[in-house]
Amino acid sequence: MDDPFDLSGKVALVTGSSAGLGKALALAWAGRGATVAGAARRSQEETRRAIEEGAGPGRFIEIRADFAEAGAADKAVEAAV
């Protein structure tokens, strides 16, 4: 039976992945195999390191974005794709 929570081969765009709920979500999805495209204004070094050092089989791609700026969401999606 397939694991319904297996995210292998999927890409998850997570905003605010540098801290708090965004970081927790990024770690959880990476733990299920997703490639996490983390978008945040601040450095996401801790999130990247946690994923690369064992939060799961997923990968992490850092996207610097300030969603208060016009067009930032479109650019983040484009970078994730």
C-alpha atoms as a PDB file:
ATOM      1  CA  MET A   1       0.000   0.000   0.000  1.00  0.00           C
ATOM      2  CA  ASP A   2       1.311   3.440  -0.907  1.00  0.00           C
ATOM      3  CA  ASP A   3       2.077   5.916   1.857  1.00  0.00           C
ATOM      4  CA  PRO A   4      -0.469   8.745   1.418  1.00  0.00           C
ATOM      5  CA  PHE A   5       1.942  11.128   3.160  1.00  0.00           C
ATOM      6  CA  ASP A   6       4.920  10.409   0.904  1.00  0.00           C
ATOM      7  CA  LEU A   7       5.936  13.672  -0.802  1.00  0.00           C
ATOM      8  CA  SER A   8       8.881  12.275  -2.756  1.00  0.00           C
ATOM      9  CA  GLY A   9       9.179  13.982  -6.126  1.00  0.00           C
ATOM     10  CA  LYS A  10       7.016  16.930  -5.027  1.00  0.00           C
ATOM     11  CA  VAL A  11       8.062  20.548  -4.536  1.00  0.00           C
ATOM     12  CA  ALA A  12       6.608  22.557  -1.651  1.00  0.00           C
ATOM     13  CA  LEU A  13       6.864  26.357  -1.641  1.00  0.00           C
ATOM     14  CA  VAL A  14       6.953  27.448   2.007  1.00  0.00           C
ATOM     15  CA  THR A  15       6.839  31.128   2.911  1.00  0.00           C
ATOM     16  CA  GLY A  16       8.430  32.323   6.124  1.00  0.00           C
ATOM     17  CA  SER A  17      10.630  29.236   6.328  1.00  0.00           C
ATOM     18  CA  SER A  18      13.379  31.005   8.293  1.00  0.00           C
ATOM     19  CA  ALA A  19      11.551  30.632  11.642  1.00  0.00           C
ATOM     20  CA  GLY A  20       8.395  29.647  13.464  1.00  0.00           C
ATOM     21  CA  LEU A  21       5.576  27.810  11.722  1.00  0.00           C
ATOM     22  CA  GLY A  22       7.133  28.208   8.284  1.00  0.00           C
ATOM     23  CA  LYS A  23      10.334  26.547   9.448  1.00  0.00           C
ATOM     24  CA  ALA A  24       8.387  23.757  11.158  1.00  0.00           C
ATOM     25  CA  LEU A  25       6.371  23.141   8.008  1.00  0.00           C
ATOM     26  CA  ALA A  26       9.512  23.102   5.849  1.00  0.00           C
ATOM     27  CA  LEU A  27      11.117  20.514   8.142  1.00  0.00           C
ATOM     28  CA  ALA A  28       7.967  18.374   8.230  1.00  0.00           C
ATOM     29  CA  TRP A  29       7.541  18.341   4.457  1.00  0.00           C
ATOM     30  CA  ALA A  30      11.236  17.627   3.886  1.00  0.00           C
ATOM     31  CA  GLY A  31      10.855  14.793   6.367  1.00  0.00           C
ATOM     32  CA  ARG A  32       8.253  13.309   4.059  1.00  0.00           C
ATOM     33  CA  GLY A  33      10.539  13.601   1.035  1.00  0.00           C
ATOM     34  CA  ALA A  34       9.548  16.918  -0.546  1.00  0.00           C
ATOM     35  CA  THR A  35      11.968  19.352  -2.078  1.00  0.00           C
ATOM     36  CA  VAL A  36      11.252  22.496  -0.071  1.00  0.00           C
ATOM     37  CA  ALA A  37      11.563  25.862  -1.774  1.00  0.00           C
ATOM     38  CA  GLY A  38      11.780  28.143   1.246  1.00  0.00           C
ATOM     39  CA  ALA A  39      10.955  31.797   0.712  1.00  0.00           C
ATOM     40  CA  ALA A  40      11.768  34.388   3.355  1.00  0.00           C
ATOM     41  CA  ARG A  41      13.310  37.824   3.852  1.00  0.00           C
ATOM     42  CA  ARG A  42      15.923  36.562   6.307  1.00  0.00           C
ATOM     43  CA  SER A  43      18.613  33.923   6.032  1.00  0.00           C
ATOM     44  CA  GLN A  44      17.289  30.377   6.116  1.00  0.00           C
ATOM     45  CA  GLU A  45      20.633  28.809   6.968  1.00  0.00           C
ATOM     46  CA  GLU A  46      19.289  27.014  10.052  1.00  0.00           C
ATOM     47  CA  THR A  47      16.404  25.522   8.077  1.00  0.00           C
ATOM     48  CA  ARG A  48      18.684  24.437   5.243  1.00  0.00           C
ATOM     49  CA  ARG A  49      21.183  22.898   7.649  1.00  0.00           C
ATOM     50  CA  ALA A  50      18.478  21.020   9.574  1.00  0.00           C
ATOM     51  CA  ILE A  51      17.095  19.533   6.359  1.00  0.00           C
ATOM     52  CA  GLU A  52      20.490  18.634   4.936  1.00  0.00           C
ATOM     53  CA  GLU A  53      21.662  17.114   8.220  1.00  0.00           C
ATOM     54  CA  GLY A  54      18.794  14.769   8.741  1.00  0.00           C
ATOM     55  CA  ALA A  55      15.296  16.228   8.900  1.00  0.00           C
ATOM     56  CA  GLY A  56      14.428  13.787   6.158  1.00  0.00           C
ATOM     57  CA  PRO A  57      15.106  12.705   2.618  1.00  0.00           C
ATOM     58  CA  GLY A  58      13.987  16.020   1.081  1.00  0.00           C
ATOM     59  CA  ARG A  59      16.120  18.867  -0.253  1.00  0.00           C
ATOM     60  CA  PHE A  60      16.054  22.612   0.404  1.00  0.00           C
ATOM     61  CA  ILE A  61      16.202  25.504  -2.048  1.00  0.00           C
ATOM     62  CA  GLU A  62      16.537  28.996  -0.551  1.00  0.00           C
ATOM     63  CA  ILE A  63      14.581  31.851  -2.136  1.00  0.00           C
ATOM     64  CA  ARG A  64      15.027  35.374  -0.785  1.00  0.00           C
ATOM     65  CA  ALA A  65      11.697  37.178  -1.030  1.00  0.00           C
ATOM     66  CA  ASP A  66       9.877  40.078   0.603  1.00  0.00           C
ATOM     67  CA  PHE A  67       6.195  39.527  -0.064  1.00  0.00           C
ATOM     68  CA  ALA A  68       5.433  43.173   0.705  1.00  0.00           C
ATOM     69  CA  GLU A  69       6.978  43.966  -2.678  1.00  0.00           C
ATOM     70  CA  ALA A  70       4.833  43.827  -5.810  1.00  0.00           C
ATOM     71  CA  GLY A  71       5.488  40.725  -7.874  1.00  0.00           C
ATOM     72  CA  ALA A  72       7.422  38.911  -5.123  1.00  0.00           C
ATOM     73  CA  ALA A  73       4.972  35.997  -4.997  1.00  0.00           C
ATOM     74  CA  ASP A  74       5.204  35.460  -8.760  1.00  0.00           C
ATOM     75  CA  LYS A  75       9.011  35.536  -8.588  1.00  0.00           C
ATOM     76  CA  ALA A  76       9.040  33.027  -5.716  1.00  0.00           C
ATOM     77  CA  VAL A  77       6.799  30.619  -7.619  1.00  0.00           C
ATOM     78  CA  GLU A  78       8.934  30.998 -10.720  1.00  0.00           C
ATOM     79  CA  ALA A  79      12.089  30.271  -8.724  1.00  0.00           C
ATOM     80  CA  ALA A  80      10.490  27.199  -7.138  1.00  0.00           C
ATOM     81  CA  VAL A  81       9.416  25.828 -10.501  1.00  0.00           C
END
